[in-house]
Protein backbone atom coordinates (compact mmCIF):
# COMPACT_ATOMS: atom_id res chain seq x y z
CA MET A 1 0.00 0.00 0.00
CA THR A 2 1.39 3.36 -0.97
CA PRO A 3 1.54 6.31 1.42
CA ARG A 4 -1.12 8.08 -0.70
CA GLN A 5 -3.54 5.10 -0.33
CA ILE A 6 -2.84 4.94 3.42
CA ALA A 7 -3.56 8.68 3.71
CA LYS A 8 -6.85 8.29 1.76
CA LEU A 9 -7.84 5.33 3.95
CA LEU A 10 -7.11 7.26 7.16
CA ALA A 11 -8.95 10.33 5.86
CA GLY A 12 -11.99 8.20 4.92
CA THR A 13 -11.96 6.51 8.32
CA GLY A 14 -11.67 9.89 10.07
CA ILE A 15 -14.55 11.35 8.05
CA ALA A 16 -16.72 8.29 8.77
CA ALA A 17 -15.90 8.54 12.50
CA LEU A 18 -16.68 12.29 12.51
CA ILE A 19 -20.04 11.72 10.76
CA THR A 20 -20.88 8.96 13.27
CA ILE A 21 -20.06 11.27 16.20
CA ILE A 22 -22.18 14.12 14.75
CA VAL A 23 -25.17 11.82 14.09
CA ALA A 24 -24.90 10.31 17.61
CA ALA A 25 -24.68 13.80 19.18
CA MET A 26 -27.75 14.97 17.25
CA TRP A 27 -29.68 11.86 18.30
CA VAL A 28 -28.74 12.37 22.00
CA VAL A 29 -29.76 16.07 21.90
CA ARG A 30 -33.10 15.29 20.23
CA SER A 31 -33.74 12.43 22.64
CA ARG A 32 -33.08 14.70 25.63
CA ASP A 33 -35.35 17.41 24.19
CA ARG A 34 -38.11 14.84 23.68
CA GLN A 35 -37.66 13.50 27.23
CA GLN A 36 -37.68 17.05 28.61
CA ARG A 37 -40.94 17.85 26.78
CA ILE A 38 -42.52 14.62 28.10
CA LEU A 39 -41.35 15.44 31.63
CA GLU A 40 -42.69 19.01 31.42
CA ARG A 41 -46.08 17.74 30.23
CA SER A 42 -46.31 15.08 32.93
CA VAL A 43 -45.13 17.27 35.81
CA ARG A 44 -47.26 20.39 35.20
CA LEU A 45 -46.13 22.09 38.40
CA VAL A 46 -48.44 24.75 39.73
CA PRO A 47 -46.59 27.96 40.71
CA GLY A 48 -45.63 27.89 44.40
CA THR A 49 -45.53 24.09 44.58
CA LEU A 50 -42.67 21.89 45.64
CA LEU A 51 -43.86 18.60 44.17
CA HIS A 52 -46.53 17.24 41.81
CA ALA A 53 -47.83 13.67 42.03
CA ASN A 54 -50.24 11.66 39.90
CA ASN A 55 -52.36 8.87 41.45
CA PHE A 56 -51.89 10.25 44.97
CA HIS A 57 -52.57 7.88 47.90
CA TRP A 58 -52.46 8.71 51.62
CA THR A 59 -53.45 6.47 54.54
CA GLN A 60 -53.72 8.11 57.97
CA MET A 61 -52.84 5.67 60.74
CA LYS A 62 -53.14 5.84 64.53
CA GLY A 63 -50.93 3.13 65.96
CA ASP A 64 -51.79 0.03 63.95
CA ARG A 65 -55.34 1.25 63.13
CA GLU A 66 -56.25 2.88 59.81
CA LEU A 67 -58.25 6.07 60.43
CA TRP A 68 -58.94 7.02 56.80
CA GLU A 69 -57.64 6.70 53.27
CA LEU A 70 -57.37 9.47 50.69
CA ARG A 71 -56.83 8.98 46.96
CA ALA A 72 -56.62 11.62 44.22
CA LYS A 73 -55.84 11.84 40.51
CA GLU A 74 -53.34 14.66 41.13
CA ALA A 75 -51.65 16.35 44.10
CA ASN A 76 -49.51 19.49 44.37
CA TYR A 77 -47.54 20.07 47.60
CA SER A 78 -46.88 23.70 48.57
CA ASP A 79 -43.34 25.08 48.85
CA SER A 80 -43.91 25.56 52.59
CA ARG A 81 -44.97 21.88 52.97
CA THR A 82 -47.97 23.01 55.02
CA SER A 83 -50.63 22.29 52.39
CA ALA A 84 -51.46 20.15 49.38
CA GLN A 85 -53.98 20.74 46.59
CA LEU A 86 -55.74 17.63 45.25
CA LYS A 87 -57.83 17.03 42.11
CA GLY A 88 -60.39 14.23 41.80
CA ALA A 89 -60.20 13.21 45.46
CA VAL A 90 -61.90 10.31 47.26
CA LEU A 91 -61.75 10.07 51.05
CA SER A 92 -62.93 6.80 52.63
CA MET A 93 -63.23 5.65 56.22
CA ASN A 94 -65.28 3.25 58.30
CA THR A 95 -67.76 4.47 60.89
CA SER A 96 -67.90 3.08 64.43
CA ASP A 97 -70.19 0.25 63.24
CA GLY A 98 -67.80 -0.66 60.41
CA LYS A 99 -69.93 0.81 57.60
CA PRO A 100 -68.09 2.57 54.76
CA PHE A 101 -68.24 6.36 54.53
CA VAL A 102 -66.97 7.81 51.23
CA LEU A 103 -66.50 11.49 50.32
CA LYS A 104 -65.79 12.56 46.72
CA ALA A 105 -64.81 16.05 45.58
CA SER A 106 -63.25 17.58 42.49
CA ASP A 107 -60.91 19.81 44.56
CA VAL A 108 -59.48 19.38 48.06
CA ARG A 109 -57.00 21.55 49.95
CA LEU A 110 -55.22 19.76 52.80
CA THR A 111 -53.70 21.70 55.70
CA LEU A 112 -50.72 19.76 57.04
CA THR A 113 -48.36 19.64 60.00
CA GLY A 114 -45.56 17.36 58.87
CA ASN A 115 -47.29 14.15 57.76
CA HIS A 116 -50.47 14.87 59.73
CA VAL A 117 -53.63 16.25 58.07
CA ASN A 118 -55.27 18.88 60.28
CA ARG A 119 -58.00 19.93 57.86
CA ALA A 120 -59.43 19.05 54.44
CA ASP A 121 -61.39 21.74 52.55
CA PHE A 122 -63.58 20.26 49.80
CA SER A 123 -64.79 22.42 46.89
CA GLY A 124 -66.22 22.09 43.40
CA GLY A 125 -69.00 19.84 44.65
CA LEU A 126 -68.83 17.28 47.44
CA VAL A 127 -70.75 13.99 47.40
CA ILE A 128 -70.89 11.65 50.40
CA ASP A 129 -72.09 8.05 50.12
CA TYR A 130 -73.20 6.61 53.43
CA LYS A 131 -75.58 3.72 54.28
CA GLY A 132 -77.57 3.99 51.05
CA MET A 133 -77.85 7.77 51.34
CA GLN A 134 -76.12 10.44 49.29
CA VAL A 135 -75.26 13.81 50.85
CA SER A 136 -74.23 16.59 48.48
CA THR A 137 -73.08 20.19 48.88
CA GLU A 138 -70.78 22.60 47.03
CA GLU A 139 -68.16 23.12 49.77
CA ALA A 140 -67.33 21.55 53.13
CA SER A 141 -64.49 21.22 55.64
CA PHE A 142 -63.40 18.06 57.45
CA PHE A 143 -61.37 18.12 60.67
CA PRO A 144 -60.04 14.57 61.18
CA ASP A 145 -58.82 15.01 64.76
CA SER A 146 -62.28 16.01 66.03
CA ASP A 147 -64.20 13.85 63.49
CA ARG A 148 -66.10 16.94 62.36
CA LEU A 149 -67.50 17.70 58.90
CA GLU A 150 -69.13 21.07 58.37
CA ALA A 151 -70.72 22.88 55.45
CA ALA A 152 -72.27 26.34 55.45
CA GLY A 153 -74.21 26.22 52.17
CA VAL A 154 -77.12 24.23 50.78
CA VAL A 155 -77.00 20.53 51.67
CA ARG A 156 -79.13 17.82 50.04
CA ILE A 157 -79.62 14.33 51.41
CA ASP A 158 -81.16 11.68 49.13
CA GLY A 159 -82.22 8.42 50.70
CA PRO A 160 -84.20 5.44 49.43
CA ASN A 161 -87.57 6.89 50.55
CA PHE A 162 -86.83 10.52 51.41
CA LYS A 163 -85.19 13.75 50.33
CA VAL A 164 -83.98 16.35 52.82
CA SER A 165 -82.47 19.75 52.08
CA GLY A 166 -81.30 22.58 54.30
CA LEU A 167 -78.61 25.13 55.02
CA GLY A 168 -75.55 24.22 57.05
CA LEU A 169 -74.31 20.75 57.96
CA ASP A 170 -72.69 19.71 61.22
CA ALA A 171 -71.64 16.06 61.13
CA HIS A 172 -69.45 13.59 63.00
CA PRO A 173 -69.00 10.71 60.51
CA ARG A 174 -67.41 8.18 62.87
CA ALA A 175 -70.03 8.85 65.53
CA GLN A 176 -72.72 8.73 62.80
CA THR A 177 -74.39 12.02 63.75
CA PHE A 178 -75.56 14.42 61.05
CA SER A 179 -77.61 17.57 61.52
CA LEU A 180 -78.85 20.26 59.16
CA GLU A 181 -78.89 23.67 60.81
CA HIS A 182 -81.48 25.89 59.02
CA GLN A 183 -84.39 25.90 56.55
CA VAL A 184 -84.77 22.13 56.61
CA GLU A 185 -87.29 20.64 54.19
CA THR A 186 -88.17 16.94 54.08
CA VAL A 187 -90.04 14.99 51.39
CA LEU A 188 -91.03 11.41 52.17
CA THR A 189 -91.95 8.92 49.45
CA ALA A 190 -93.94 5.77 50.10
CA LYS A 191 -92.43 2.41 49.24
CA PRO A 192 -94.22 0.82 46.28
CA HIS A 193 -96.30 -2.14 47.47
CA ALA A 194 -96.22 -5.42 45.60
CA ALA A 195 -99.50 -6.15 43.80
CA THR A 196 -101.68 -8.53 45.76
CA GLN A 197 -102.79 -11.67 44.03
CA SER A 198 -106.26 -13.16 44.54
């Protein structure tokens, strides 16, 4: 092989190596840009938040006993770590007789002290399923430590044979006490009787 052929071979190899490096660098940069765009879309941090989570799940325990369980489609923790904003939330617990008590709301703001929830403010419509009844109101606040649920606005309760509406709710879910404060209206419906055969 002549020196000229060796030089051409080395030059060709160098050019091929340079093209390979450029193509690989472009691929890495594009891949990182694509991953960054995917990350930005999935994170969607709200201003003033420290962390965003999808499919949020929180279980509040007292010793070895589960007090309540909270699930949400999305959660944003505040920078101060004293609150969290939830979307599509479902809070479930069991009452003193073991019956399920489920609260659903489109928006919930939790007030926190460390890992302890002091208060949950429900907004955007709250629906409670309890013993075959459905309680609904626009906004309400739940205080887990005192087992207190309160709402100031219009509250509707739909049961199998009755409908009750009023202003203001004061409830203690675990103790199974619910009271409407003002302008209470009740409509009772009779159970349909089976036709008698002769």
